[in-house]
Amino acid sequence: MAVAGQRVPSCLSKKIPMFWNMRALGGPPVAPVSELLTVITGDLDVGDHLLHYGDSKPGACVILGVIFLLSSICIVIKAIHDLAKKVLPEVDDFLYSVSVLSGILCTVLAVIKFMLGKVLTSRALITDGFNSLVGGIMGFSILLSAEVFKHNSSVWYLDGSIGVLIGLTIFAYGIKLLIDMIPRVRQTRHYEMFE
């Protein structure tokens, strides 16, 4: 699959159509960024650095922390933009079914990743579980904001407000991840220097 003249790896080609479709549908303020974050964190987790070595490669968690910070900034900016422009939540049947499916699957996936992360002692897998949980919450937030708006049209701001809260939560988790993992990276590098 090629996007803008670039060859896209097969692991990304499966995710890009959903990323662009949600964007074209005028989905929630966080859907495109979440899809991109899922692609990146999923590709990092599948690598040998995370699953086979657990926390012996804390650099991957630092990368995830930086990605979380950058994505949270994008999410908050988009949500604030939608609040400023008074973007109304609109959900058609297709987006409704995708939101339900996404919410359920991401939540189940998050539970599985949390359990595997505990068993494998992989902080990166637990972090990816957090990302999946956020995806599940976003899926359900689309439905919640649309249903509330349908019954009370004065509550148009719920989707953007949830986007701001999700963005701030991801930002806080990214900061915590960096605070926890940067000393481990330094310790690992210091240990490798003396080997």
C-alpha atoms as a PDB file:
ATOM      1  CA  MET A   1       0.000   0.000   0.000  1.00  0.00           C
ATOM      2  CA  ALA A   2       1.351   3.438  -0.882  1.00  0.00           C
ATOM      3  CA  VAL A   3       0.415   6.710   0.754  1.00  0.00           C
ATOM      4  CA  ALA A   4       1.633   9.953  -0.824  1.00  0.00           C
ATOM      5  CA  GLY A   5       4.212   8.085  -2.888  1.00  0.00           C
ATOM      6  CA  GLN A   6       5.707   6.321   0.132  1.00  0.00           C
ATOM      7  CA  ARG A   7       5.740   2.572   0.669  1.00  0.00           C
ATOM      8  CA  VAL A   8       3.858   1.753   3.857  1.00  0.00           C
ATOM      9  CA  PRO A   9       4.884  -1.312   5.895  1.00  0.00           C
ATOM     10  CA  SER A  10       2.270  -4.065   5.930  1.00  0.00           C
ATOM     11  CA  CYS A  11       1.733  -3.652   9.662  1.00  0.00           C
ATOM     12  CA  LEU A  12       0.662  -0.049   9.044  1.00  0.00           C
ATOM     13  CA  SER A  13      -1.380  -0.640   5.899  1.00  0.00           C
ATOM     14  CA  LYS A  14      -4.091  -2.388   7.901  1.00  0.00           C
ATOM     15  CA  LYS A  15      -4.486   0.561  10.259  1.00  0.00           C
ATOM     16  CA  ILE A  16      -4.272   3.521   7.856  1.00  0.00           C
ATOM     17  CA  PRO A  17      -7.690   3.032   6.195  1.00  0.00           C
ATOM     18  CA  MET A  18      -9.454   3.166   9.571  1.00  0.00           C
ATOM     19  CA  PHE A  19      -7.388   6.209  10.527  1.00  0.00           C
ATOM     20  CA  TRP A  20      -8.467   8.131   7.424  1.00  0.00           C
ATOM     21  CA  ASN A  21     -12.083   6.875   7.438  1.00  0.00           C
ATOM     22  CA  MET A  22     -12.671   8.087  10.997  1.00  0.00           C
ATOM     23  CA  ARG A  23     -11.142  11.433  10.014  1.00  0.00           C
ATOM     24  CA  ALA A  24     -13.355  11.724   6.938  1.00  0.00           C
ATOM     25  CA  LEU A  25     -16.455  10.805   8.914  1.00  0.00           C
ATOM     26  CA  GLY A  26     -15.865  13.679  11.286  1.00  0.00           C
ATOM     27  CA  GLY A  27     -15.442  11.244  14.143  1.00  0.00           C
ATOM     28  CA  PRO A  28     -14.512  12.227  17.650  1.00  0.00           C
ATOM     29  CA  PRO A  29     -11.725  14.730  18.186  1.00  0.00           C
ATOM     30  CA  VAL A  30      -9.375  11.978  19.325  1.00  0.00           C
ATOM     31  CA  ALA A  31     -10.037   9.111  16.907  1.00  0.00           C
ATOM     32  CA  PRO A  32      -7.315   9.799  14.287  1.00  0.00           C
ATOM     33  CA  VAL A  33      -4.630  10.442  16.888  1.00  0.00           C
ATOM     34  CA  SER A  34      -5.666   7.352  18.825  1.00  0.00           C
ATOM     35  CA  GLU A  35      -5.456   5.178  15.717  1.00  0.00           C
ATOM     36  CA  LEU A  36      -1.967   6.482  14.977  1.00  0.00           C
ATOM     37  CA  LEU A  37      -0.922   5.939  18.593  1.00  0.00           C
ATOM     38  CA  THR A  38      -2.286   2.389  18.450  1.00  0.00           C
ATOM     39  CA  VAL A  39      -0.245   1.705  15.309  1.00  0.00           C
ATOM     40  CA  ILE A  40       2.950   3.002  16.895  1.00  0.00           C
ATOM     41  CA  THR A  41       2.564   1.379  20.316  1.00  0.00           C
ATOM     42  CA  GLY A  42       1.373  -1.893  18.817  1.00  0.00           C
ATOM     43  CA  ASP A  43       4.371  -2.055  16.509  1.00  0.00           C
ATOM     44  CA  LEU A  44       6.720  -1.305  19.407  1.00  0.00           C
ATOM     45  CA  ASP A  45       5.143  -3.980  21.592  1.00  0.00           C
ATOM     46  CA  VAL A  46       5.343  -6.715  19.006  1.00  0.00           C
ATOM     47  CA  GLY A  47       9.074  -6.233  18.676  1.00  0.00           C
ATOM     48  CA  ASP A  48      11.565  -8.474  20.403  1.00  0.00           C
ATOM     49  CA  HIS A  49      12.608  -5.600  22.639  1.00  0.00           C
ATOM     50  CA  LEU A  50       9.346  -5.632  24.540  1.00  0.00           C
ATOM     51  CA  LEU A  51       7.892  -9.127  24.626  1.00  0.00           C
ATOM     52  CA  HIS A  52      11.043 -11.216  24.923  1.00  0.00           C
ATOM     53  CA  TYR A  53      12.988  -8.990  27.258  1.00  0.00           C
ATOM     54  CA  GLY A  54      10.261  -7.448  29.414  1.00  0.00           C
ATOM     55  CA  ASP A  55      11.609  -4.337  31.101  1.00  0.00           C
ATOM     56  CA  SER A  56      15.211  -4.975  30.126  1.00  0.00           C
ATOM     57  CA  LYS A  57      14.656  -2.430  27.328  1.00  0.00           C
ATOM     58  CA  PRO A  58      13.228   0.602  29.152  1.00  0.00           C
ATOM     59  CA  GLY A  59      14.085   2.782  26.153  1.00  0.00           C
ATOM     60  CA  ALA A  60      10.916   1.538  24.444  1.00  0.00           C
ATOM     61  CA  CYS A  61       8.855   2.876  27.348  1.00  0.00           C
ATOM     62  CA  VAL A  62      10.615   6.234  27.052  1.00  0.00           C
ATOM     63  CA  ILE A  63       9.666   6.308  23.367  1.00  0.00           C
ATOM     64  CA  LEU A  64       6.070   5.485  24.312  1.00  0.00           C
ATOM     65  CA  GLY A  65       6.117   8.260  26.929  1.00  0.00           C
ATOM     66  CA  VAL A  66       7.242  10.820  24.351  1.00  0.00           C
ATOM     67  CA  ILE A  67       4.606   9.586  21.896  1.00  0.00           C
ATOM     68  CA  PHE A  68       1.954   9.887  24.617  1.00  0.00           C
ATOM     69  CA  LEU A  69       3.007  13.477  25.322  1.00  0.00           C
ATOM     70  CA  LEU A  70       2.922  14.461  21.660  1.00  0.00           C
ATOM     71  CA  SER A  71      -0.400  12.738  21.002  1.00  0.00           C
ATOM     72  CA  SER A  72      -1.984  14.256  24.100  1.00  0.00           C
ATOM     73  CA  ILE A  73      -1.061  17.730  22.901  1.00  0.00           C
ATOM     74  CA  CYS A  74      -2.689  16.994  19.517  1.00  0.00           C
ATOM     75  CA  ILE A  75      -5.796  15.579  21.191  1.00  0.00           C
ATOM     76  CA  VAL A  76      -6.224  18.579  23.486  1.00  0.00           C
ATOM     77  CA  ILE A  77      -5.672  21.072  20.649  1.00  0.00           C
ATOM     78  CA  LYS A  78      -8.241  19.284  18.443  1.00  0.00           C
ATOM     79  CA  ALA A  79     -10.752  19.047  21.295  1.00  0.00           C
ATOM     80  CA  ILE A  80     -10.358  22.730  22.187  1.00  0.00           C
ATOM     81  CA  HIS A  81     -10.729  23.630  18.505  1.00  0.00           C
ATOM     82  CA  ASP A  82     -13.979  21.621  18.329  1.00  0.00           C
ATOM     83  CA  LEU A  83     -15.241  23.308  21.501  1.00  0.00           C
ATOM     84  CA  ALA A  84     -14.382  26.763  20.147  1.00  0.00           C
ATOM     85  CA  LYS A  85     -16.112  26.050  16.816  1.00  0.00           C
ATOM     86  CA  LYS A  86     -19.095  24.405  18.559  1.00  0.00           C
ATOM     87  CA  VAL A  87     -18.793  21.179  16.564  1.00  0.00           C
ATOM     88  CA  LEU A  88     -21.951  19.163  17.170  1.00  0.00           C
ATOM     89  CA  PRO A  89     -21.704  15.401  17.719  1.00  0.00           C
ATOM     90  CA  GLU A  90     -23.156  13.518  14.757  1.00  0.00           C
ATOM     91  CA  VAL A  91     -23.278   9.734  14.724  1.00  0.00           C
ATOM     92  CA  ASP A  92     -24.692   7.758  11.812  1.00  0.00           C
ATOM     93  CA  ASP A  93     -25.383   4.015  11.908  1.00  0.00           C
ATOM     94  CA  PHE A  94     -21.934   3.087  10.614  1.00  0.00           C
ATOM     95  CA  LEU A  95     -20.072   5.252  13.142  1.00  0.00           C
ATOM     96  CA  TYR A  96     -22.376   3.955  15.878  1.00  0.00           C
ATOM     97  CA  SER A  97     -21.536   0.328  15.082  1.00  0.00           C
ATOM     98  CA  VAL A  98     -17.810   1.099  14.737  1.00  0.00           C
ATOM     99  CA  SER A  99     -17.871   2.922  18.089  1.00  0.00           C
ATOM    100  CA  VAL A 100     -19.582   0.023  19.855  1.00  0.00           C
ATOM    101  CA  LEU A 101     -17.240  -2.522  18.317  1.00  0.00           C
ATOM    102  CA  SER A 102     -14.180  -0.383  18.992  1.00  0.00           C
ATOM    103  CA  GLY A 103     -15.210   0.267  22.586  1.00  0.00           C
ATOM    104  CA  ILE A 104     -15.793  -3.403  23.351  1.00  0.00           C
ATOM    105  CA  LEU A 105     -12.734  -4.765  21.518  1.00  0.00           C
ATOM    106  CA  CYS A 106     -10.347  -2.142  22.873  1.00  0.00           C
ATOM    107  CA  THR A 107     -11.557  -2.714  26.421  1.00  0.00           C
ATOM    108  CA  VAL A 108     -11.167  -6.503  26.126  1.00  0.00           C
ATOM    109  CA  LEU A 109      -7.760  -6.033  24.505  1.00  0.00           C
ATOM    110  CA  ALA A 110      -6.726  -3.699  27.335  1.00  0.00           C
ATOM    111  CA  VAL A 111      -7.625  -6.313  29.961  1.00  0.00           C
ATOM    112  CA  ILE A 112      -5.640  -8.980  28.091  1.00  0.00           C
ATOM    113  CA  LYS A 113      -2.623  -6.680  27.732  1.00  0.00           C
ATOM    114  CA  PHE A 114      -2.753  -5.736  31.422  1.00  0.00           C
ATOM    115  CA  MET A 115      -2.835  -9.412  32.427  1.00  0.00           C
ATOM    116  CA  LEU A 116      -0.019 -10.383  30.033  1.00  0.00           C
ATOM    117  CA  GLY A 117       2.004  -7.354  31.104  1.00  0.00           C
ATOM    118  CA  LYS A 118       1.793  -8.470  34.729  1.00  0.00           C
ATOM    119  CA  VAL A 119       2.726 -12.072  33.884  1.00  0.00           C
ATOM    120  CA  LEU A 120       5.604 -11.079  31.567  1.00  0.00           C
ATOM    121  CA  THR A 121       6.591  -8.132  33.810  1.00  0.00           C
ATOM    122  CA  SER A 122       6.534  -5.892  30.745  1.00  0.00           C
ATOM    123  CA  ARG A 123       5.902  -2.244  31.517  1.00  0.00           C
ATOM    124  CA  ALA A 124       5.635  -1.574  27.780  1.00  0.00           C
ATOM    125  CA  LEU A 125       2.801  -4.091  27.422  1.00  0.00           C
ATOM    126  CA  ILE A 126       0.997  -2.553  30.398  1.00  0.00           C
ATOM    127  CA  THR A 127       1.467   0.860  28.796  1.00  0.00           C
ATOM    128  CA  ASP A 128      -0.008  -0.427  25.552  1.00  0.00           C
ATOM    129  CA  GLY A 129      -2.901  -1.810  27.628  1.00  0.00           C
ATOM    130  CA  PHE A 130      -3.461   1.734  28.895  1.00  0.00           C
ATOM    131  CA  ASN A 131      -3.518   2.946  25.298  1.00  0.00           C
ATOM    132  CA  SER A 132      -6.113   0.288  24.397  1.00  0.00           C
ATOM    133  CA  LEU A 133      -8.203   1.254  27.426  1.00  0.00           C
ATOM    134  CA  VAL A 134      -8.179   4.869  26.266  1.00  0.00           C
ATOM    135  CA  GLY A 135      -9.322   3.650  22.831  1.00  0.00           C
ATOM    136  CA  GLY A 136     -12.215   1.802  24.473  1.00  0.00           C
ATOM    137  CA  ILE A 137     -13.210   4.856  26.471  1.00  0.00           C
ATOM    138  CA  MET A 138     -13.125   6.957  23.300  1.00  0.00           C
ATOM    139  CA  GLY A 139     -15.347   4.473  21.499  1.00  0.00           C
ATOM    140  CA  PHE A 140     -17.948   4.654  24.236  1.00  0.00           C
ATOM    141  CA  SER A 141     -17.580   8.433  24.616  1.00  0.00           C
ATOM    142  CA  ILE A 142     -18.736   8.914  21.017  1.00  0.00           C
ATOM    143  CA  LEU A 143     -21.952   7.098  21.850  1.00  0.00           C
ATOM    144  CA  LEU A 144     -22.420   8.872  25.156  1.00  0.00           C
ATOM    145  CA  SER A 145     -22.008  12.353  23.701  1.00  0.00           C
ATOM    146  CA  ALA A 146     -24.300  11.586  20.743  1.00  0.00           C
ATOM    147  CA  GLU A 147     -27.048  10.137  22.970  1.00  0.00           C
ATOM    148  CA  VAL A 148     -26.866  13.016  25.438  1.00  0.00           C
ATOM    149  CA  PHE A 149     -26.973  15.523  22.561  1.00  0.00           C
ATOM    150  CA  LYS A 150     -29.945  13.715  21.018  1.00  0.00           C
ATOM    151  CA  HIS A 151     -31.931  14.113  24.256  1.00  0.00           C
ATOM    152  CA  ASN A 152     -30.614  17.548  25.234  1.00  0.00           C
ATOM    153  CA  SER A 153     -29.259  19.686  22.398  1.00  0.00           C
ATOM    154  CA  SER A 154     -27.802  22.224  24.826  1.00  0.00           C
ATOM    155  CA  VAL A 155     -25.124  19.672  25.815  1.00  0.00           C
ATOM    156  CA  TRP A 156     -23.160  19.848  22.531  1.00  0.00           C
ATOM    157  CA  TYR A 157     -19.823  20.228  24.307  1.00  0.00           C
ATOM    158  CA  LEU A 158     -19.591  16.763  25.887  1.00  0.00           C
ATOM    159  CA  ASP A 159     -17.492  15.189  23.104  1.00  0.00           C
ATOM    160  CA  GLY A 160     -14.915  17.986  23.150  1.00  0.00           C
ATOM    161  CA  SER A 161     -14.811  17.988  26.943  1.00  0.00           C
ATOM    162  CA  ILE A 162     -14.179  14.244  27.036  1.00  0.00           C
ATOM    163  CA  GLY A 163     -11.436  14.782  24.441  1.00  0.00           C
ATOM    164  CA  VAL A 164      -9.742  17.341  26.703  1.00  0.00           C
ATOM    165  CA  LEU A 165      -9.976  14.977  29.695  1.00  0.00           C
ATOM    166  CA  ILE A 166      -8.579  12.055  27.700  1.00  0.00           C
ATOM    167  CA  GLY A 167      -5.758  14.234  26.383  1.00  0.00           C
ATOM    168  CA  LEU A 168      -4.832  15.423  29.877  1.00  0.00           C
ATOM    169  CA  THR A 169      -4.959  11.847  31.187  1.00  0.00           C
ATOM    170  CA  ILE A 170      -2.634  10.636  28.414  1.00  0.00           C
ATOM    171  CA  PHE A 171      -0.321  13.587  29.118  1.00  0.00           C
ATOM    172  CA  ALA A 172      -0.166  12.730  32.841  1.00  0.00           C
ATOM    173  CA  TYR A 173       0.513   9.062  32.070  1.00  0.00           C
ATOM    174  CA  GLY A 174       3.249  10.034  29.598  1.00  0.00           C
ATOM    175  CA  ILE A 175       4.929  12.232  32.232  1.00  0.00           C
ATOM    176  CA  LYS A 176       4.706   9.428  34.813  1.00  0.00           C
ATOM    177  CA  LEU A 177       6.161   6.970  32.320  1.00  0.00           C
ATOM    178  CA  LEU A 178       9.092   9.266  31.568  1.00  0.00           C
ATOM    179  CA  ILE A 179       9.741   9.934  35.255  1.00  0.00           C
ATOM    180  CA  ASP A 180       9.760   6.186  35.953  1.00  0.00           C
ATOM    181  CA  MET A 181      11.744   5.057  32.905  1.00  0.00           C
ATOM    182  CA  ILE A 182      14.421   7.700  32.267  1.00  0.00           C
ATOM    183  CA  PRO A 183      16.357   6.687  35.421  1.00  0.00           C
ATOM    184  CA  ARG A 184      16.179   3.032  34.259  1.00  0.00           C
ATOM    185  CA  VAL A 185      17.557   3.985  30.856  1.00  0.00           C
ATOM    186  CA  ARG A 186      20.422   5.847  32.514  1.00  0.00           C
ATOM    187  CA  GLN A 187      21.071   2.929  34.850  1.00  0.00           C
ATOM    188  CA  THR A 188      21.069   0.450  31.953  1.00  0.00           C
ATOM    189  CA  ARG A 189      23.482   2.590  29.939  1.00  0.00           C
ATOM    190  CA  HIS A 190      25.717   3.052  32.974  1.00  0.00           C
ATOM    191  CA  TYR A 191      25.720  -0.724  33.564  1.00  0.00           C
ATOM    192  CA  GLU A 192      26.486  -1.445  29.884  1.00  0.00           C
ATOM    193  CA  MET A 193      29.473   0.924  29.997  1.00  0.00           C
ATOM    194  CA  PHE A 194      31.132  -1.207  32.684  1.00  0.00           C
ATOM    195  CA  GLU A 195      30.573  -4.543  30.925  1.00  0.00           C
END
